[in-house]
Amino acid sequence: MHEDDKPRRIKKSDPVEEAVEESFPASDPPAWTATRAGEPRSDVVRAARKARAAKRPRRDAVGLFDTEAGAQSAADALLASGFDRVDIGRPRGVGTLLRVRLKTKQDQSRALAIIEQKGARKLHLSRASRD
């Protein structure tokens, strides 16, 4: 009989060795989990952060353009003037929507002026969805 063909004998007196023999080789590698350094954040801290974020108003300026090219021109001008979040919607029967995220009151007047200058048919301010 060859060495590999012999049944292995496990000492019943050592439960650690028995567990190692029975579990090797492992079928799945250990999972990686995300962790962070430091003590866990308390529920109070999490709730306070959520409450502060909810109080901050988030608004968008929205413009309706006749063509996608007009919306793209306005988006390029907004990005060049420092806005970091500008979205252009799919062209639809009524036109193409452009939406820009506003961070401050000054952003509001600047964005509306640029959108109007670029030929938007309609302008308005809307509450931004949380994302």
N, C-alpha and C. Protein backbone atom coordinates (compact mmCIF):
# COMPACT_ATOMS: atom_id res chain seq x y z
N MET A 1 0.85 -1.17 0.00
CA MET A 1 0.00 0.00 0.00
C MET A 1 0.90 1.24 0.00
N HIS A 2 0.54 2.23 -0.81
CA HIS A 2 1.31 3.47 -0.93
C HIS A 2 0.99 4.38 0.24
N GLU A 3 1.92 5.29 0.55
CA GLU A 3 1.76 6.20 1.69
C GLU A 3 0.47 7.01 1.61
N ASP A 4 0.12 7.50 0.37
CA ASP A 4 -1.08 8.32 0.22
C ASP A 4 -2.37 7.52 0.34
N ASP A 5 -2.30 6.23 0.12
CA ASP A 5 -3.49 5.39 0.17
C ASP A 5 -3.88 4.98 1.58
N LYS A 6 -2.96 5.16 2.51
CA LYS A 6 -3.25 4.76 3.89
C LYS A 6 -4.22 5.74 4.52
N PRO A 7 -5.18 5.24 5.24
CA PRO A 7 -6.09 6.15 5.94
C PRO A 7 -5.33 6.90 7.04
N ARG A 8 -5.65 8.14 7.17
CA ARG A 8 -4.98 8.94 8.20
C ARG A 8 -5.63 8.67 9.54
N ARG A 9 -4.79 8.68 10.51
CA ARG A 9 -5.30 8.49 11.88
C ARG A 9 -5.14 9.81 12.61
N ILE A 10 -6.19 10.24 13.17
CA ILE A 10 -6.18 11.50 13.91
C ILE A 10 -6.34 11.16 15.38
N LYS A 11 -5.49 11.80 16.16
CA LYS A 11 -5.59 11.59 17.60
C LYS A 11 -6.85 12.29 18.08
N LYS A 12 -7.68 11.56 18.76
CA LYS A 12 -8.92 12.12 19.28
C LYS A 12 -8.66 13.03 20.47
N SER A 13 -7.49 12.97 21.03
CA SER A 13 -7.20 13.75 22.22
C SER A 13 -6.88 15.21 21.90
N ASP A 14 -6.56 15.52 20.63
CA ASP A 14 -6.21 16.90 20.28
C ASP A 14 -7.28 17.46 19.33
N PRO A 15 -8.27 18.20 19.85
CA PRO A 15 -9.36 18.71 19.01
C PRO A 15 -8.90 19.75 17.98
N VAL A 16 -7.85 20.50 18.27
CA VAL A 16 -7.34 21.50 17.33
C VAL A 16 -6.77 20.81 16.09
N GLU A 17 -5.94 19.80 16.30
CA GLU A 17 -5.37 19.07 15.17
C GLU A 17 -6.45 18.38 14.35
N GLU A 18 -7.45 17.87 15.02
CA GLU A 18 -8.54 17.21 14.33
C GLU A 18 -9.30 18.20 13.44
N ALA A 19 -9.57 19.39 13.97
CA ALA A 19 -10.28 20.42 13.20
C ALA A 19 -9.46 20.88 12.00
N VAL A 20 -8.14 21.01 12.19
CA VAL A 20 -7.26 21.42 11.09
C VAL A 20 -7.26 20.37 9.99
N GLU A 21 -7.16 19.12 10.35
CA GLU A 21 -7.14 18.04 9.37
C GLU A 21 -8.45 17.95 8.60
N GLU A 22 -9.56 18.16 9.28
CA GLU A 22 -10.86 18.06 8.63
C GLU A 22 -11.17 19.24 7.72
N SER A 23 -10.59 20.40 8.00
CA SER A 23 -10.94 21.59 7.23
C SER A 23 -9.93 21.91 6.12
N PHE A 24 -8.84 21.20 6.04
CA PHE A 24 -7.82 21.52 5.03
C PHE A 24 -8.01 20.64 3.80
N PRO A 25 -7.90 21.09 2.60
CA PRO A 25 -7.77 22.49 2.19
C PRO A 25 -9.13 23.18 2.24
N ALA A 26 -9.11 24.44 2.54
CA ALA A 26 -10.35 25.20 2.62
C ALA A 26 -10.91 25.41 1.23
N SER A 27 -12.20 25.31 1.09
CA SER A 27 -12.81 25.47 -0.24
C SER A 27 -12.91 26.94 -0.63
N ASP A 28 -13.07 27.83 0.32
CA ASP A 28 -13.18 29.25 0.03
C ASP A 28 -12.14 30.02 0.82
N PRO A 29 -11.52 31.01 0.19
CA PRO A 29 -10.58 31.84 0.94
C PRO A 29 -11.34 32.73 1.92
N PRO A 30 -10.68 33.24 2.92
CA PRO A 30 -11.38 34.11 3.86
C PRO A 30 -11.85 35.39 3.18
N ALA A 31 -12.97 35.89 3.60
CA ALA A 31 -13.53 37.11 3.01
C ALA A 31 -12.80 38.34 3.54
N TRP A 32 -12.68 39.33 2.69
CA TRP A 32 -12.12 40.62 3.12
C TRP A 32 -13.28 41.51 3.50
N THR A 33 -13.17 42.15 4.63
CA THR A 33 -14.23 43.05 5.06
C THR A 33 -13.65 44.44 5.29
N ALA A 34 -14.46 45.43 5.02
CA ALA A 34 -14.01 46.81 5.20
C ALA A 34 -13.99 47.13 6.69
N THR A 35 -12.94 47.77 7.12
CA THR A 35 -12.82 48.19 8.51
C THR A 35 -12.28 49.60 8.55
N ARG A 36 -12.37 50.22 9.67
CA ARG A 36 -11.77 51.54 9.84
C ARG A 36 -11.07 51.58 11.19
N ALA A 37 -10.05 52.42 11.27
CA ALA A 37 -9.28 52.54 12.51
C ALA A 37 -10.07 53.37 13.51
N GLY A 38 -9.80 53.14 14.76
CA GLY A 38 -10.44 53.92 15.80
C GLY A 38 -11.66 53.24 16.37
N GLU A 39 -12.24 53.93 17.33
CA GLU A 39 -13.43 53.37 17.96
C GLU A 39 -14.63 53.51 17.04
N PRO A 40 -15.59 52.62 17.17
CA PRO A 40 -16.78 52.72 16.32
C PRO A 40 -17.54 54.01 16.59
N ARG A 41 -18.13 54.55 15.55
CA ARG A 41 -18.94 55.76 15.72
C ARG A 41 -20.22 55.38 16.46
N SER A 42 -20.59 56.25 17.34
CA SER A 42 -21.82 55.97 18.10
C SER A 42 -23.03 56.33 17.25
N ASP A 43 -24.16 55.79 17.61
CA ASP A 43 -25.40 56.10 16.91
C ASP A 43 -25.75 57.57 17.05
N VAL A 44 -25.34 58.18 18.16
CA VAL A 44 -25.63 59.61 18.39
C VAL A 44 -24.87 60.46 17.37
N VAL A 45 -23.60 60.12 17.12
CA VAL A 45 -22.80 60.87 16.15
C VAL A 45 -23.39 60.71 14.75
N ARG A 46 -23.75 59.49 14.39
CA ARG A 46 -24.35 59.24 13.07
C ARG A 46 -25.64 60.03 12.90
N ALA A 47 -26.49 60.03 13.93
CA ALA A 47 -27.76 60.74 13.85
C ALA A 47 -27.54 62.25 13.73
N ALA A 48 -26.56 62.78 14.44
CA ALA A 48 -26.27 64.21 14.37
C ALA A 48 -25.78 64.60 12.97
N ARG A 49 -24.94 63.79 12.37
CA ARG A 49 -24.46 64.08 11.01
C ARG A 49 -25.61 64.04 10.01
N LYS A 50 -26.49 63.06 10.14
CA LYS A 50 -27.63 62.97 9.23
C LYS A 50 -28.54 64.20 9.38
N ALA A 51 -28.75 64.64 10.61
CA ALA A 51 -29.61 65.78 10.86
C ALA A 51 -29.02 67.05 10.26
N ARG A 52 -27.70 67.24 10.39
CA ARG A 52 -27.05 68.41 9.79
C ARG A 52 -27.15 68.38 8.28
N ALA A 53 -26.95 67.22 7.69
CA ALA A 53 -27.02 67.09 6.23
C ALA A 53 -28.43 67.37 5.73
N ALA A 54 -29.43 66.94 6.48
CA ALA A 54 -30.82 67.14 6.07
C ALA A 54 -31.21 68.61 6.12
N LYS A 55 -30.61 69.39 7.02
CA LYS A 55 -30.93 70.81 7.15
C LYS A 55 -30.35 71.63 6.01
N ARG A 56 -29.25 71.15 5.42
CA ARG A 56 -28.62 71.90 4.33
C ARG A 56 -29.49 71.81 3.08
N PRO A 57 -29.97 72.94 2.59
CA PRO A 57 -30.78 72.88 1.39
C PRO A 57 -29.92 72.55 0.18
N ARG A 58 -30.42 71.70 -0.67
CA ARG A 58 -29.72 71.39 -1.91
C ARG A 58 -30.64 71.77 -3.04
N ARG A 59 -30.14 72.60 -3.90
CA ARG A 59 -30.96 73.09 -5.00
C ARG A 59 -30.22 72.91 -6.31
N ASP A 60 -31.02 72.84 -7.36
CA ASP A 60 -30.50 72.77 -8.71
C ASP A 60 -31.10 73.90 -9.52
N ALA A 61 -30.33 74.38 -10.49
CA ALA A 61 -30.87 75.28 -11.50
C ALA A 61 -31.12 74.42 -12.73
N VAL A 62 -32.28 74.58 -13.33
CA VAL A 62 -32.66 73.74 -14.47
C VAL A 62 -32.99 74.65 -15.65
N GLY A 63 -32.48 74.28 -16.81
CA GLY A 63 -32.79 75.01 -18.03
C GLY A 63 -33.28 74.05 -19.10
N LEU A 64 -34.23 74.51 -19.90
CA LEU A 64 -34.76 73.72 -21.00
C LEU A 64 -34.28 74.32 -22.31
N PHE A 65 -33.58 73.53 -23.10
CA PHE A 65 -33.01 74.00 -24.37
C PHE A 65 -33.72 73.33 -25.53
N ASP A 66 -33.79 74.04 -26.65
CA ASP A 66 -34.41 73.48 -27.86
C ASP A 66 -33.57 72.35 -28.44
N THR A 67 -32.25 72.46 -28.32
CA THR A 67 -31.37 71.45 -28.92
C THR A 67 -30.39 70.90 -27.89
N GLU A 68 -29.89 69.72 -28.16
CA GLU A 68 -28.87 69.12 -27.30
C GLU A 68 -27.57 69.93 -27.38
N ALA A 69 -27.29 70.48 -28.56
CA ALA A 69 -26.08 71.30 -28.73
C ALA A 69 -26.13 72.55 -27.86
N GLY A 70 -27.31 73.14 -27.73
CA GLY A 70 -27.47 74.31 -26.87
C GLY A 70 -27.22 73.96 -25.41
N ALA A 71 -27.75 72.81 -24.98
CA ALA A 71 -27.53 72.35 -23.61
C ALA A 71 -26.06 72.05 -23.37
N GLN A 72 -25.41 71.45 -24.36
CA GLN A 72 -23.98 71.13 -24.22
C GLN A 72 -23.14 72.39 -24.13
N SER A 73 -23.50 73.40 -24.91
CA SER A 73 -22.78 74.68 -24.86
C SER A 73 -22.90 75.31 -23.47
N ALA A 74 -24.11 75.27 -22.90
CA ALA A 74 -24.32 75.81 -21.56
C ALA A 74 -23.55 75.00 -20.52
N ALA A 75 -23.55 73.67 -20.67
CA ALA A 75 -22.82 72.81 -19.73
C ALA A 75 -21.33 73.13 -19.77
N ASP A 76 -20.78 73.30 -20.97
CA ASP A 76 -19.36 73.64 -21.09
C ASP A 76 -19.05 74.97 -20.40
N ALA A 77 -19.94 75.96 -20.58
CA ALA A 77 -19.73 77.27 -19.94
C ALA A 77 -19.83 77.17 -18.42
N LEU A 78 -20.77 76.37 -17.93
CA LEU A 78 -20.92 76.20 -16.47
C LEU A 78 -19.70 75.50 -15.87
N LEU A 79 -19.22 74.45 -16.53
CA LEU A 79 -18.04 73.74 -16.03
C LEU A 79 -16.80 74.65 -16.07
N ALA A 80 -16.68 75.45 -17.13
CA ALA A 80 -15.54 76.36 -17.23
C ALA A 80 -15.59 77.45 -16.16
N SER A 81 -16.78 77.79 -15.68
CA SER A 81 -16.88 78.83 -14.66
C SER A 81 -16.80 78.28 -13.24
N GLY A 82 -16.54 76.97 -13.11
CA GLY A 82 -16.27 76.42 -11.78
C GLY A 82 -17.32 75.50 -11.20
N PHE A 83 -18.45 75.30 -11.86
CA PHE A 83 -19.43 74.35 -11.34
C PHE A 83 -18.91 72.95 -11.56
N ASP A 84 -19.13 72.08 -10.58
CA ASP A 84 -18.55 70.74 -10.70
C ASP A 84 -19.59 69.65 -10.98
N ARG A 85 -20.87 69.99 -10.98
CA ARG A 85 -21.89 68.97 -11.23
C ARG A 85 -22.92 69.52 -12.21
N VAL A 86 -22.81 69.11 -13.45
CA VAL A 86 -23.73 69.54 -14.50
C VAL A 86 -24.21 68.29 -15.23
N ASP A 87 -25.51 68.12 -15.34
CA ASP A 87 -26.08 66.95 -16.02
C ASP A 87 -26.94 67.40 -17.19
N ILE A 88 -26.84 66.68 -18.28
CA ILE A 88 -27.68 66.92 -19.45
C ILE A 88 -28.57 65.70 -19.62
N GLY A 89 -29.87 65.93 -19.70
CA GLY A 89 -30.80 64.83 -19.89
C GLY A 89 -30.89 64.41 -21.35
N ARG A 90 -31.56 63.30 -21.57
CA ARG A 90 -31.79 62.84 -22.95
C ARG A 90 -32.71 63.83 -23.67
N PRO A 91 -32.46 64.05 -24.95
CA PRO A 91 -33.38 64.91 -25.70
C PRO A 91 -34.78 64.29 -25.73
N ARG A 92 -35.79 65.10 -25.52
CA ARG A 92 -37.18 64.63 -25.54
C ARG A 92 -37.97 65.52 -26.49
N GLY A 93 -39.22 65.26 -26.60
CA GLY A 93 -40.07 66.03 -27.51
C GLY A 93 -40.12 67.51 -27.17
N VAL A 94 -40.00 67.85 -25.88
CA VAL A 94 -40.08 69.25 -25.47
C VAL A 94 -38.74 69.96 -25.49
N GLY A 95 -37.65 69.22 -25.60
CA GLY A 95 -36.32 69.81 -25.61
C GLY A 95 -35.36 68.99 -24.75
N THR A 96 -34.23 69.60 -24.43
CA THR A 96 -33.20 68.94 -23.64
C THR A 96 -33.02 69.68 -22.32
N LEU A 97 -33.09 68.95 -21.21
CA LEU A 97 -32.93 69.56 -19.88
C LEU A 97 -31.46 69.57 -19.47
N LEU A 98 -31.07 70.66 -18.85
CA LEU A 98 -29.75 70.78 -18.25
C LEU A 98 -29.95 71.08 -16.78
N ARG A 99 -29.24 70.39 -15.92
CA ARG A 99 -29.38 70.57 -14.47
C ARG A 99 -27.99 70.81 -13.88
N VAL A 100 -27.88 71.85 -13.07
CA VAL A 100 -26.60 72.15 -12.41
C VAL A 100 -26.82 72.24 -10.91
N ARG A 101 -25.93 71.59 -10.15
CA ARG A 101 -26.01 71.58 -8.68
C ARG A 101 -25.49 72.91 -8.14
N LEU A 102 -26.27 73.53 -7.26
CA LEU A 102 -25.90 74.81 -6.65
C LEU A 102 -25.43 74.56 -5.22
N LYS A 103 -24.36 75.24 -4.85
CA LYS A 103 -23.84 75.08 -3.49
C LYS A 103 -24.11 76.32 -2.64
N THR A 104 -24.13 77.48 -3.25
CA THR A 104 -24.33 78.72 -2.50
C THR A 104 -25.34 79.61 -3.20
N LYS A 105 -25.77 80.69 -2.53
CA LYS A 105 -26.68 81.66 -3.14
C LYS A 105 -26.03 82.34 -4.35
N GLN A 106 -24.72 82.59 -4.27
CA GLN A 106 -24.02 83.22 -5.39
C GLN A 106 -24.03 82.30 -6.62
N ASP A 107 -23.93 80.99 -6.37
CA ASP A 107 -23.99 80.02 -7.47
C ASP A 107 -25.33 80.14 -8.21
N GLN A 108 -26.39 80.38 -7.46
CA GLN A 108 -27.72 80.44 -8.06
C GLN A 108 -27.79 81.52 -9.13
N SER A 109 -27.40 82.74 -8.79
CA SER A 109 -27.50 83.83 -9.77
C SER A 109 -26.51 83.63 -10.92
N ARG A 110 -25.31 83.14 -10.63
CA ARG A 110 -24.32 82.88 -11.69
C ARG A 110 -24.82 81.83 -12.67
N ALA A 111 -25.33 80.72 -12.15
CA ALA A 111 -25.79 79.63 -13.00
C ALA A 111 -26.97 80.07 -13.86
N LEU A 112 -27.95 80.75 -13.25
CA LEU A 112 -29.11 81.18 -14.01
C LEU A 112 -28.71 82.16 -15.12
N ALA A 113 -27.76 83.04 -14.84
CA ALA A 113 -27.29 83.99 -15.86
C ALA A 113 -26.63 83.27 -17.03
N ILE A 114 -25.80 82.28 -16.73
CA ILE A 114 -25.12 81.53 -17.80
C ILE A 114 -26.14 80.74 -18.63
N ILE A 115 -27.06 80.07 -17.96
CA ILE A 115 -28.07 79.28 -18.66
C ILE A 115 -28.93 80.17 -19.56
N GLU A 116 -29.33 81.33 -19.04
CA GLU A 116 -30.14 82.25 -19.83
C GLU A 116 -29.35 82.81 -21.02
N GLN A 117 -28.09 83.15 -20.77
CA GLN A 117 -27.24 83.69 -21.83
C GLN A 117 -27.05 82.68 -22.97
N LYS A 118 -27.03 81.39 -22.62
CA LYS A 118 -26.82 80.36 -23.63
C LYS A 118 -28.10 79.97 -24.36
N GLY A 119 -29.20 80.63 -24.05
CA GLY A 119 -30.40 80.45 -24.85
C GLY A 119 -31.43 79.47 -24.33
N ALA A 120 -31.50 79.27 -23.03
CA ALA A 120 -32.52 78.37 -22.49
C ALA A 120 -33.90 78.96 -22.72
N ARG A 121 -34.81 78.10 -23.11
CA ARG A 121 -36.20 78.52 -23.34
C ARG A 121 -36.91 78.76 -22.01
N LYS A 122 -36.57 77.98 -21.01
CA LYS A 122 -37.21 78.06 -19.70
C LYS A 122 -36.16 77.86 -18.62
N LEU A 123 -36.31 78.56 -17.50
CA LEU A 123 -35.41 78.43 -16.35
C LEU A 123 -36.23 78.22 -15.09
N HIS A 124 -35.70 77.44 -14.18
CA HIS A 124 -36.30 77.41 -12.84
C HIS A 124 -35.34 76.75 -11.85
N LEU A 125 -35.65 76.94 -10.58
CA LEU A 125 -34.89 76.32 -9.49
C LEU A 125 -35.69 75.16 -8.97
N SER A 126 -35.02 74.09 -8.62
CA SER A 126 -35.71 72.93 -8.07
C SER A 126 -34.96 72.40 -6.88
N ARG A 127 -35.66 71.68 -6.03
CA ARG A 127 -35.01 70.99 -4.93
C ARG A 127 -34.27 69.81 -5.51
N ALA A 128 -33.03 69.65 -5.09
CA ALA A 128 -32.24 68.53 -5.60
C ALA A 128 -32.59 67.27 -4.85
N SER A 129 -32.56 66.18 -5.56
CA SER A 129 -32.76 64.89 -4.90
C SER A 129 -31.49 64.52 -4.17
N ARG A 130 -31.61 63.81 -3.08
CA ARG A 130 -30.45 63.37 -2.32
C ARG A 130 -29.84 62.17 -3.02
N ASP A 131 -28.52 62.25 -3.32
CA ASP A 131 -27.86 61.09 -3.95
C ASP A 131 -26.54 60.81 -3.34
